[in-house]
């Protein structure tokens, strides 16, 4: 997955409008207009770098005359004090663009770094690490890009590109059908036959309903490792199985050993810690 130029321009423009507004009053009031400078951005902790094109775009939109050099690529590992970018030109422009550039770099690198940790924990298994729709509003494309940089796999982009029948859908359907899981699968096949369809199940009885209905992809919600292993045995390759709920770094390897095909991790985007980067003006 790559970020399109249109997305880069749009999200950076929105971030600069939010931060700079009518102008950087601190810099305008204190820094001479003709002041020149150079700066570097470096990591302050080990990480997987992600978001460098956003750094370049932020400074480019602030001042096209700035010279930005990227010293790493998205997906590279960086160690503390390692420089990942430099920028030179108007000191005012560098100071004004600093925070927006760092905000993108820090958050996306945090997502890529955490994703890489999950991917490494399941190495040797066939399980893929998936993201979810639990993303920052307006930044989903960026955050899902960061997941791929970390080695993870994107689940659906939104409500429009894949069917996923979840517990609340089933609560509504239960008013009309004694077996809501099977009913949901039949409805999906009838009304949207060309769309990939997945259904969530909470126990092995609902799993059997899903299999009897011909489900091709089943989400195992908050099951124990033993239940997931049994689900894999019962399914016997007839459907793809996704584990979800309560997934963390301590548990993910055990989940992978159950034999599920996918493990979805909302924490990749909804509660990730930003990586610490700093921009330093050179004296």
Protein backbone atom coordinates (compact mmCIF):
# COMPACT_ATOMS: atom_id res chain seq x y z
CA UNK A 1 0.00 0.00 0.00
CA UNK A 2 1.29 3.48 -0.87
CA UNK A 3 -0.05 6.90 -0.04
CA UNK A 4 -1.43 8.77 -3.03
CA UNK A 5 -0.15 12.31 -3.69
CA UNK A 6 -3.71 13.61 -3.29
CA UNK A 7 -4.02 12.13 0.20
CA UNK A 8 -0.61 13.53 1.17
CA UNK A 9 -1.55 17.02 0.05
CA UNK A 10 -5.01 16.97 1.58
CA UNK A 11 -4.15 15.70 5.06
CA UNK A 12 -1.06 17.89 5.35
CA UNK A 13 -2.99 20.97 4.25
CA UNK A 14 -5.65 20.25 6.86
CA UNK A 15 -3.05 19.78 9.59
CA UNK A 16 -1.27 23.01 8.69
CA UNK A 17 -4.54 24.92 8.60
CA UNK A 18 -5.34 23.61 12.06
CA UNK A 19 -1.92 24.44 13.53
CA UNK A 20 -0.76 27.55 11.68
CA UNK A 21 -4.14 29.16 11.05
CA UNK A 22 -3.66 32.82 10.18
CA UNK A 23 0.07 32.64 10.94
CA UNK A 24 2.79 31.59 13.39
CA UNK A 25 2.70 34.64 15.66
CA UNK A 26 5.60 33.51 17.85
CA UNK A 27 8.02 33.04 14.96
CA UNK A 28 6.84 36.14 13.10
CA UNK A 29 7.30 38.27 16.22
CA UNK A 30 10.74 36.99 17.24
CA UNK A 31 12.68 35.64 14.25
CA UNK A 32 14.12 38.01 11.59
CA UNK A 33 12.54 37.49 8.20
CA UNK A 34 15.91 36.91 6.52
CA UNK A 35 17.19 34.39 9.10
CA UNK A 36 18.49 31.18 7.57
CA UNK A 37 19.00 27.84 9.20
CA UNK A 38 19.33 24.10 8.91
CA UNK A 39 17.87 21.39 11.10
CA UNK A 40 17.77 17.65 11.44
CA UNK A 41 15.13 15.24 12.69
CA UNK A 42 16.36 12.29 14.72
CA UNK A 43 14.85 9.36 16.58
CA UNK A 44 15.06 9.36 20.35
CA UNK A 45 14.20 5.68 20.76
CA UNK A 46 14.37 2.48 18.68
CA UNK A 47 11.55 2.36 16.13
CA UNK A 48 10.31 1.52 12.67
CA UNK A 49 10.25 4.77 10.71
CA UNK A 50 7.04 5.77 8.94
CA UNK A 51 5.72 9.08 7.62
CA UNK A 52 8.75 10.65 6.00
CA UNK A 53 6.85 11.70 2.88
CA UNK A 54 4.46 13.59 5.13
CA UNK A 55 7.43 15.36 6.72
CA UNK A 56 8.63 16.43 3.28
CA UNK A 57 5.12 17.49 2.21
CA UNK A 58 4.60 19.57 5.36
CA UNK A 59 7.74 21.60 4.80
CA UNK A 60 7.04 21.80 1.05
CA UNK A 61 3.62 23.34 1.69
CA UNK A 62 5.02 25.76 4.27
CA UNK A 63 7.78 26.93 1.94
CA UNK A 64 8.61 25.34 -1.45
CA UNK A 65 12.08 26.90 -1.25
CA UNK A 66 13.10 24.73 1.70
CA UNK A 67 15.51 21.90 0.94
CA UNK A 68 14.33 18.66 2.56
CA UNK A 69 16.49 15.53 2.46
CA UNK A 70 15.16 12.18 3.66
CA UNK A 71 17.93 10.04 5.13
CA UNK A 72 15.84 6.90 5.64
CA UNK A 73 12.88 5.14 4.06
CA UNK A 74 9.56 4.14 5.57
CA UNK A 75 9.98 0.67 7.04
CA UNK A 76 13.61 1.19 8.09
CA UNK A 77 14.58 0.60 11.68
CA UNK A 78 16.08 3.62 13.44
CA UNK A 79 18.10 3.76 16.63
CA UNK A 80 18.33 6.62 19.15
CA UNK A 81 20.10 9.70 17.75
CA UNK A 82 19.82 8.39 14.19
CA UNK A 83 18.98 11.19 11.77
CA UNK A 84 16.10 10.48 9.40
CA UNK A 85 15.72 13.86 7.65
CA UNK A 86 17.28 17.29 7.27
CA UNK A 87 15.75 20.61 6.23
CA UNK A 88 17.46 23.86 5.28
CA UNK A 89 16.37 27.36 4.27
CA UNK A 90 14.26 29.99 5.95
CA UNK A 91 14.47 29.63 9.74
CA UNK A 92 10.93 30.95 10.02
CA UNK A 93 9.60 28.26 7.70
CA UNK A 94 11.44 25.47 9.51
CA UNK A 95 10.09 26.57 12.87
CA UNK A 96 6.53 26.91 11.57
CA UNK A 97 6.46 23.45 9.97
CA UNK A 98 8.20 21.61 12.80
CA UNK A 99 5.22 20.40 14.84
CA UNK A 100 3.02 19.20 12.00
CA UNK A 101 5.93 17.29 10.46
CA UNK A 102 6.80 15.65 13.77
CA UNK A 103 3.19 14.84 14.65
CA UNK A 104 2.77 12.77 11.49
CA UNK A 105 6.16 11.09 11.86
CA UNK A 106 5.69 10.25 15.53
CA UNK A 107 2.21 8.75 15.24
CA UNK A 108 2.77 6.75 12.07
CA UNK A 109 6.12 5.45 13.32
CA UNK A 110 4.37 4.39 16.52
CA UNK A 111 1.84 2.36 14.51
CA UNK A 112 4.53 0.82 12.28
CA UNK A 113 6.69 -0.04 15.29
CA UNK A 114 3.88 -1.72 17.22
CA UNK A 115 2.72 -3.59 14.12
CA UNK A 116 6.23 -4.89 13.51
CA UNK A 117 6.34 -6.17 17.11
CA UNK A 118 3.10 -8.13 16.59
CA UNK A 119 4.28 -9.50 13.25
CA UNK A 120 7.53 -10.69 14.80
CA UNK A 121 5.67 -12.43 17.62
CA UNK A 122 3.72 -14.60 15.14
CA UNK A 123 6.70 -15.33 12.86
CA UNK A 124 6.80 -18.98 11.87
CA UNK A 125 3.01 -19.30 11.87
CA UNK A 126 0.63 -18.75 8.96
CA UNK A 127 -1.34 -16.08 10.82
CA UNK A 128 -1.51 -12.55 9.41
CA UNK A 129 -1.85 -9.48 11.62
CA UNK A 130 -4.85 -7.34 10.59
CA UNK A 131 -5.81 -3.79 11.45
CA UNK A 132 -9.37 -2.60 12.13
CA UNK A 133 -11.60 0.45 11.57
CA UNK A 134 -10.65 1.79 15.01
CA UNK A 135 -8.68 4.64 13.51
CA UNK A 136 -8.35 8.38 14.05
CA UNK A 137 -11.17 10.13 12.13
CA UNK A 138 -9.77 11.61 8.93
CA UNK A 139 -6.45 9.75 9.18
CA UNK A 140 -7.49 6.19 8.31
CA UNK A 141 -5.56 6.03 5.04
CA UNK A 142 -2.37 7.16 6.81
CA UNK A 143 -2.79 4.79 9.74
CA UNK A 144 -3.57 1.79 7.56
CA UNK A 145 -0.53 2.66 5.46
CA UNK A 146 1.59 2.61 8.63
CA UNK A 147 0.25 -0.86 9.45
CA UNK A 148 1.51 -2.15 6.09
CA UNK A 149 4.89 -0.48 6.65
CA UNK A 150 5.12 -2.45 9.88
CA UNK A 151 4.38 -5.70 8.04
CA UNK A 152 0.69 -6.00 8.88
CA UNK A 153 -2.25 -6.50 6.53
CA UNK A 154 -5.14 -4.11 5.98
CA UNK A 155 -8.65 -5.36 6.74
CA UNK A 156 -11.55 -3.50 5.11
CA UNK A 157 -11.01 0.19 4.41
CA UNK A 158 -14.52 1.12 5.50
CA UNK A 159 -18.13 0.04 5.52
CA UNK A 160 -18.24 0.11 1.74
CA UNK A 161 -15.72 -2.54 0.62
CA UNK A 162 -16.48 -5.64 2.70
CA UNK A 163 -19.37 -7.14 4.61
CA UNK A 164 -18.69 -7.82 8.29
CA UNK A 165 -21.76 -8.91 10.24
CA UNK A 166 -21.04 -8.10 13.88
CA UNK A 167 -22.78 -8.78 17.18
CA UNK A 168 -25.14 -5.81 16.98
CA UNK A 169 -26.26 -6.80 13.49
CA UNK A 170 -27.05 -10.24 14.90
CA UNK A 171 -29.02 -8.75 17.80
CA UNK A 172 -31.32 -7.04 15.29
CA UNK A 173 -31.57 -10.12 13.07
CA UNK A 174 -32.44 -12.33 16.03
CA UNK A 175 -35.84 -10.58 16.18
CA UNK A 176 -36.63 -12.04 12.77
CA UNK A 177 -34.68 -15.32 12.61
CA UNK A 178 -34.03 -18.03 15.20
CA UNK A 179 -30.58 -18.57 13.65
CA UNK A 180 -29.35 -15.03 12.91
CA UNK A 181 -25.83 -16.08 11.85
CA UNK A 182 -27.08 -18.35 9.08
CA UNK A 183 -29.69 -15.77 8.10
CA UNK A 184 -27.04 -13.06 7.80
CA UNK A 185 -24.90 -15.20 5.51
CA UNK A 186 -27.83 -16.06 3.28
CA UNK A 187 -28.82 -12.39 3.04
CA UNK A 188 -25.27 -11.32 2.24
CA UNK A 189 -24.95 -13.88 -0.53
CA UNK A 190 -28.31 -12.92 -2.00
CA UNK A 191 -28.04 -9.15 -1.78
CA UNK A 192 -24.32 -8.57 -2.32
CA UNK A 193 -22.92 -11.69 -4.01
CA UNK A 194 -19.77 -9.98 -5.29
CA UNK A 195 -18.73 -8.51 -1.94
CA UNK A 196 -16.48 -10.42 0.45
CA UNK A 197 -18.61 -11.37 3.47
CA UNK A 198 -17.50 -12.15 7.01
CA UNK A 199 -19.59 -12.95 10.07
CA UNK A 200 -18.74 -12.68 13.76
CA UNK A 201 -19.45 -15.61 16.08
CA UNK A 202 -19.10 -15.78 19.85
CA UNK A 203 -19.16 -19.54 20.43
CA UNK A 204 -18.84 -22.89 18.69
CA UNK A 205 -22.61 -23.22 18.17
CA UNK A 206 -22.63 -19.99 16.14
CA UNK A 207 -19.53 -21.21 14.32
CA UNK A 208 -21.46 -24.27 13.20
CA UNK A 209 -24.31 -22.04 12.04
CA UNK A 210 -21.84 -20.03 10.00
CA UNK A 211 -20.31 -23.13 8.43
CA UNK A 212 -23.73 -24.61 7.67
CA UNK A 213 -24.64 -21.35 5.96
CA UNK A 214 -21.53 -21.50 3.77
CA UNK A 215 -19.58 -18.64 5.33
CA UNK A 216 -16.18 -18.12 3.71
CA UNK A 217 -14.72 -15.92 6.49
CA UNK A 218 -15.59 -16.15 10.18
CA UNK A 219 -14.52 -13.88 13.02
CA UNK A 220 -14.03 -15.64 16.36
CA UNK A 221 -14.89 -13.02 18.95
CA UNK A 222 -13.25 -13.16 22.38
CA UNK A 223 -12.80 -16.92 22.38
CA UNK A 224 -10.26 -18.71 24.55
CA UNK A 225 -7.22 -20.28 22.92
CA UNK A 226 -8.77 -23.71 23.47
CA UNK A 227 -12.02 -22.65 21.79
CA UNK A 228 -10.14 -21.20 18.83
CA UNK A 229 -8.12 -24.39 18.41
CA UNK A 230 -11.37 -26.37 18.43
CA UNK A 231 -12.87 -23.94 15.91
CA UNK A 232 -9.91 -24.57 13.61
CA UNK A 233 -10.45 -28.34 13.95
CA UNK A 234 -14.18 -28.10 13.25
CA UNK A 235 -13.75 -25.74 10.31
CA UNK A 236 -11.08 -27.93 8.70
CA UNK A 237 -10.22 -25.35 6.06
CA UNK A 238 -13.80 -24.69 4.91
CA UNK A 239 -13.55 -21.01 5.88
CA UNK A 240 -10.93 -18.47 6.84
CA UNK A 241 -10.84 -17.83 10.59
CA UNK A 242 -10.03 -14.52 12.25
CA UNK A 243 -9.29 -14.13 15.96
CA UNK A 244 -10.40 -10.89 17.58
CA UNK A 245 -10.73 -9.46 21.08
CA UNK A 246 -8.25 -9.29 23.93
CA UNK A 247 -5.23 -9.54 21.65
CA UNK A 248 -1.97 -8.21 23.04
CA UNK A 249 1.74 -8.86 22.58
CA UNK A 250 1.87 -11.34 25.43
CA UNK A 251 -0.93 -13.48 24.01
CA UNK A 252 -0.64 -13.15 20.25
CA UNK A 253 1.87 -15.98 19.73
CA UNK A 254 -0.41 -18.43 21.54
CA UNK A 255 -3.34 -17.29 19.39
CA UNK A 256 -1.29 -17.87 16.24
CA UNK A 257 -0.49 -21.41 17.40
CA UNK A 258 -4.21 -22.26 17.39
CA UNK A 259 -4.05 -22.24 13.60
CA UNK A 260 -6.27 -19.24 12.83
CA UNK A 261 -5.62 -17.44 9.55
CA UNK A 262 -5.88 -13.85 10.80
CA UNK A 263 -5.50 -11.98 14.07
CA UNK A 264 -7.06 -8.51 14.19
CA UNK A 265 -5.58 -5.97 16.59
CA UNK A 266 -7.49 -2.74 17.22
CA UNK A 267 -4.67 -1.47 19.43
CA UNK A 268 -2.45 -0.98 16.38
CA UNK A 269 -4.30 2.26 15.70
CA UNK A 270 -6.70 3.07 18.54
CA UNK A 271 -4.26 3.23 21.46
CA UNK A 272 -0.76 3.26 20.03
CA UNK A 273 1.99 5.29 21.71
CA UNK A 274 3.75 7.80 19.48
CA UNK A 275 7.47 7.33 18.90
CA UNK A 276 9.67 10.15 20.18
CA UNK A 277 11.37 12.16 17.44
CA UNK A 278 12.91 15.60 17.72
CA UNK A 279 13.80 18.39 15.32
CA UNK A 280 16.99 20.24 16.25
CA UNK A 281 18.11 23.55 14.71
CA UNK A 282 21.85 23.42 14.14
CA UNK A 283 23.89 26.24 15.65
